[in-house]
Amino acid sequence: PDILKHIAEEAGGHLIYSKASSRSLMECAQKPDVIMAVHDGRFIFPRFHAGFDGIMAIAQLASLLEEEQLPLSTLMKAIPAIHLFHETTTCSSALKGTLMRLLIEKYQNETLETLDGIKIHQQKGWVLILPDPVAPKVHLYVNASSQEEGLHTMKTYRESVTDIIRRCLTGSADAG
């Protein structure tokens, strides 16, 4: 979520983005000055070792709380609400490339990132459409400013993705 970028900048740091795979994250974590890598709720502390380590994450949190003399409840109250949504939709492996190409064409006038999948930046959030590397499905992630906005955005992009998949399957992919 965007809040991580804000927190890093307030502390004088910055985020380094990688592809959404364990291997890419582990490779990124080996860069100089990387203190922590996070993916899907799992943490790597490269100064300790290069693998995911939940116990080390808890130890780091406890150490920071002790250093700042903060109870966990105070920290939890300070964290702003995060409205992050995730859904999947079925998409055959054969159609994933076509789907991504058609989505890039459809949203070409938006601010896009294509490091991994397609990330569409919006005024108060973003949408990430990410083909699953193994299963016949596509992941849709939405980061929004509110629950209502997130649900609305998810519905809009889910319909867009499923409409393109349907048109590909019926042979009318290049139509509107």
Protein backbone atom coordinates (compact mmCIF):
# COMPACT_ATOMS: atom_id res chain seq x y z
CA PRO A 1 0.00 0.00 0.00
CA ASP A 2 1.02 3.62 -0.56
CA ILE A 3 1.35 4.17 3.20
CA LEU A 4 4.61 2.18 3.15
CA LYS A 5 6.13 4.65 0.69
CA HIS A 6 5.06 7.54 2.93
CA ILE A 7 6.52 5.90 6.07
CA ALA A 8 9.83 5.16 4.33
CA GLU A 9 10.12 8.74 3.06
CA GLU A 10 9.38 10.18 6.51
CA ALA A 11 12.24 8.08 7.88
CA GLY A 12 14.61 9.30 5.15
CA GLY A 13 14.42 6.09 3.11
CA HIS A 14 12.70 4.89 0.01
CA LEU A 15 11.09 1.77 -1.41
CA ILE A 16 12.61 -0.44 -4.07
CA TYR A 17 9.99 -2.26 -6.10
CA SER A 18 10.50 -5.78 -7.41
CA LYS A 19 8.45 -8.35 -9.23
CA ALA A 20 5.89 -10.19 -7.10
CA SER A 21 7.84 -13.40 -6.65
CA SER A 22 9.88 -14.78 -3.79
CA ARG A 23 12.97 -15.08 -5.98
CA SER A 24 12.80 -11.46 -7.20
CA LEU A 25 12.30 -10.23 -3.65
CA MET A 26 15.23 -12.26 -2.33
CA GLU A 27 17.45 -10.91 -5.12
CA CYS A 28 16.32 -7.35 -4.39
CA ALA A 29 17.00 -7.83 -0.67
CA GLN A 30 20.68 -8.45 -1.44
CA LYS A 31 21.20 -4.89 -2.73
CA PRO A 32 23.32 -2.61 -0.53
CA ASP A 33 21.45 -0.63 2.14
CA VAL A 34 18.30 -2.78 1.99
CA ILE A 35 17.19 -3.28 5.59
CA MET A 36 13.97 -5.23 5.02
CA ALA A 37 12.02 -6.81 2.18
CA VAL A 38 8.30 -7.57 2.36
CA HIS A 39 6.01 -9.61 0.12
CA ASP A 40 2.58 -10.97 0.86
CA GLY A 41 2.97 -10.48 4.62
CA ARG A 42 6.37 -12.23 4.73
CA PHE A 43 9.57 -10.46 5.76
CA ILE A 44 13.26 -10.79 4.86
CA PHE A 45 15.96 -9.13 6.96
CA PRO A 46 19.02 -9.46 4.70
CA ARG A 47 21.52 -8.46 7.39
CA PHE A 48 20.33 -11.53 9.32
CA HIS A 49 19.79 -13.98 6.44
CA ALA A 50 18.32 -14.07 2.93
CA GLY A 51 15.14 -16.04 3.67
CA PHE A 52 11.68 -15.19 4.97
CA ASP A 53 11.64 -15.09 8.76
CA GLY A 54 8.49 -14.43 10.80
CA ILE A 55 10.24 -14.83 14.15
CA MET A 56 12.83 -12.21 13.15
CA ALA A 57 9.98 -9.86 12.15
CA ILE A 58 8.45 -10.19 15.62
CA ALA A 59 11.87 -9.68 17.25
CA GLN A 60 12.47 -6.53 15.17
CA LEU A 61 9.05 -5.16 16.09
CA ALA A 62 9.65 -5.84 19.80
CA SER A 63 13.06 -4.17 19.58
CA LEU A 64 11.62 -1.06 17.90
CA LEU A 65 8.81 -0.82 20.44
CA GLU A 66 11.31 -1.09 23.30
CA GLU A 67 13.61 1.50 21.72
CA GLU A 68 10.75 3.97 21.25
CA GLN A 69 9.16 3.07 24.61
CA LEU A 70 5.81 2.52 22.86
CA PRO A 71 3.16 -0.03 23.68
CA LEU A 72 1.93 -1.96 20.64
CA SER A 73 -1.59 -0.55 21.12
CA THR A 74 -0.28 3.01 20.59
CA LEU A 75 1.49 2.00 17.40
CA MET A 76 -1.63 0.24 16.11
CA LYS A 77 -3.73 3.37 16.69
CA ALA A 78 -1.24 5.45 14.70
CA ILE A 79 -1.43 3.27 11.60
CA PRO A 80 -3.96 4.69 9.12
CA ALA A 81 -6.67 2.49 7.68
CA ILE A 82 -5.51 0.53 4.64
CA HIS A 83 -8.11 -0.35 2.04
CA LEU A 84 -6.45 -3.11 0.05
CA PHE A 85 -8.56 -5.61 -1.87
CA HIS A 86 -7.64 -8.80 -3.73
CA GLU A 87 -9.62 -11.04 -6.05
CA THR A 88 -8.77 -13.58 -8.71
CA THR A 89 -10.48 -14.41 -11.94
CA THR A 90 -9.98 -17.42 -14.18
CA CYS A 91 -7.82 -16.88 -17.26
CA SER A 92 -6.12 -19.63 -19.23
CA SER A 93 -2.36 -19.41 -19.53
CA ALA A 94 -2.76 -19.10 -23.30
CA LEU A 95 -4.80 -15.90 -22.91
CA LYS A 96 -2.71 -14.10 -20.25
CA GLY A 97 -0.38 -12.35 -22.71
CA THR A 98 -3.26 -11.22 -24.91
CA LEU A 99 -5.16 -10.00 -21.86
CA MET A 100 -2.20 -7.92 -20.69
CA ARG A 101 -1.68 -6.43 -24.18
CA LEU A 102 -5.35 -5.50 -24.49
CA LEU A 103 -5.41 -3.99 -21.00
CA ILE A 104 -2.35 -1.85 -21.81
CA GLU A 105 -4.11 -0.68 -24.97
CA LYS A 106 -7.34 0.04 -23.10
CA TYR A 107 -5.66 2.03 -20.32
CA GLN A 108 -2.86 3.59 -22.41
CA ASN A 109 -3.91 7.11 -21.42
CA GLU A 110 -3.62 6.30 -17.71
CA THR A 111 -0.41 6.34 -15.65
CA LEU A 112 0.84 2.75 -15.97
CA GLU A 113 3.69 0.67 -14.55
CA THR A 114 4.54 -2.67 -16.07
CA LEU A 115 7.30 -3.98 -13.78
CA ASP A 116 5.12 -6.97 -12.94
CA GLY A 117 1.65 -7.13 -14.44
CA ILE A 118 -0.06 -3.80 -15.03
CA LYS A 119 -0.32 -1.22 -12.26
CA ILE A 120 -2.76 1.57 -13.04
CA HIS A 121 -2.28 4.64 -10.86
CA GLN A 122 -5.36 6.58 -9.90
CA GLN A 123 -5.89 9.85 -8.06
CA LYS A 124 -6.26 8.17 -4.66
CA GLY A 125 -4.87 4.68 -5.12
CA TRP A 126 -3.99 2.08 -7.71
CA VAL A 127 -5.03 -1.16 -9.39
CA LEU A 128 -2.63 -4.03 -10.08
CA ILE A 129 -3.59 -6.72 -12.57
CA LEU A 130 -1.12 -9.57 -12.18
CA PRO A 131 -1.16 -12.86 -14.08
CA ASP A 132 -0.53 -15.83 -11.83
CA PRO A 133 2.80 -17.43 -12.80
CA VAL A 134 1.48 -20.98 -12.37
CA ALA A 135 -2.30 -21.24 -12.07
CA PRO A 136 -4.80 -20.33 -14.82
CA LYS A 137 -5.89 -17.11 -13.14
CA VAL A 138 -5.24 -13.39 -12.89
CA HIS A 139 -4.95 -11.49 -9.60
CA LEU A 140 -6.62 -8.11 -9.19
CA TYR A 141 -5.40 -5.87 -6.37
CA VAL A 142 -6.93 -2.52 -5.49
CA ASN A 143 -5.54 0.07 -3.08
CA ALA A 144 -8.13 2.78 -2.43
CA SER A 145 -8.84 5.68 -0.10
CA SER A 146 -11.99 4.09 1.32
CA GLN A 147 -13.85 0.79 1.54
CA GLU A 148 -16.57 2.04 -0.81
CA GLU A 149 -14.10 3.35 -3.38
CA GLY A 150 -12.14 0.09 -3.24
CA LEU A 151 -15.21 -2.05 -3.81
CA HIS A 152 -16.36 0.17 -6.68
CA THR A 153 -12.91 0.15 -8.30
CA MET A 154 -12.61 -3.63 -7.92
CA LYS A 155 -16.01 -4.12 -9.58
CA THR A 156 -15.03 -1.84 -12.48
CA TYR A 157 -11.72 -3.56 -13.20
CA ARG A 158 -13.06 -7.08 -12.60
CA GLU A 159 -15.72 -6.39 -15.23
CA SER A 160 -13.10 -4.96 -17.60
CA VAL A 161 -10.84 -8.02 -17.23
CA THR A 162 -13.64 -10.57 -17.52
CA ASP A 163 -15.09 -8.73 -20.53
CA ILE A 164 -11.74 -8.89 -22.35
CA ILE A 165 -11.36 -12.59 -21.48
CA ARG A 166 -14.89 -13.27 -22.73
CA ARG A 167 -14.20 -11.39 -25.98
CA CYS A 168 -10.96 -13.35 -26.47
CA LEU A 169 -12.80 -16.63 -26.02
CA THR A 170 -15.52 -15.65 -28.49
CA GLY A 171 -13.05 -14.31 -31.05
CA SER A 172 -14.05 -10.66 -30.77
CA ALA A 173 -11.04 -9.46 -28.72
CA ASP A 174 -10.27 -6.47 -30.93
CA ALA A 175 -13.83 -5.15 -30.78
CA GLY A 176 -14.32 -2.00 -28.60
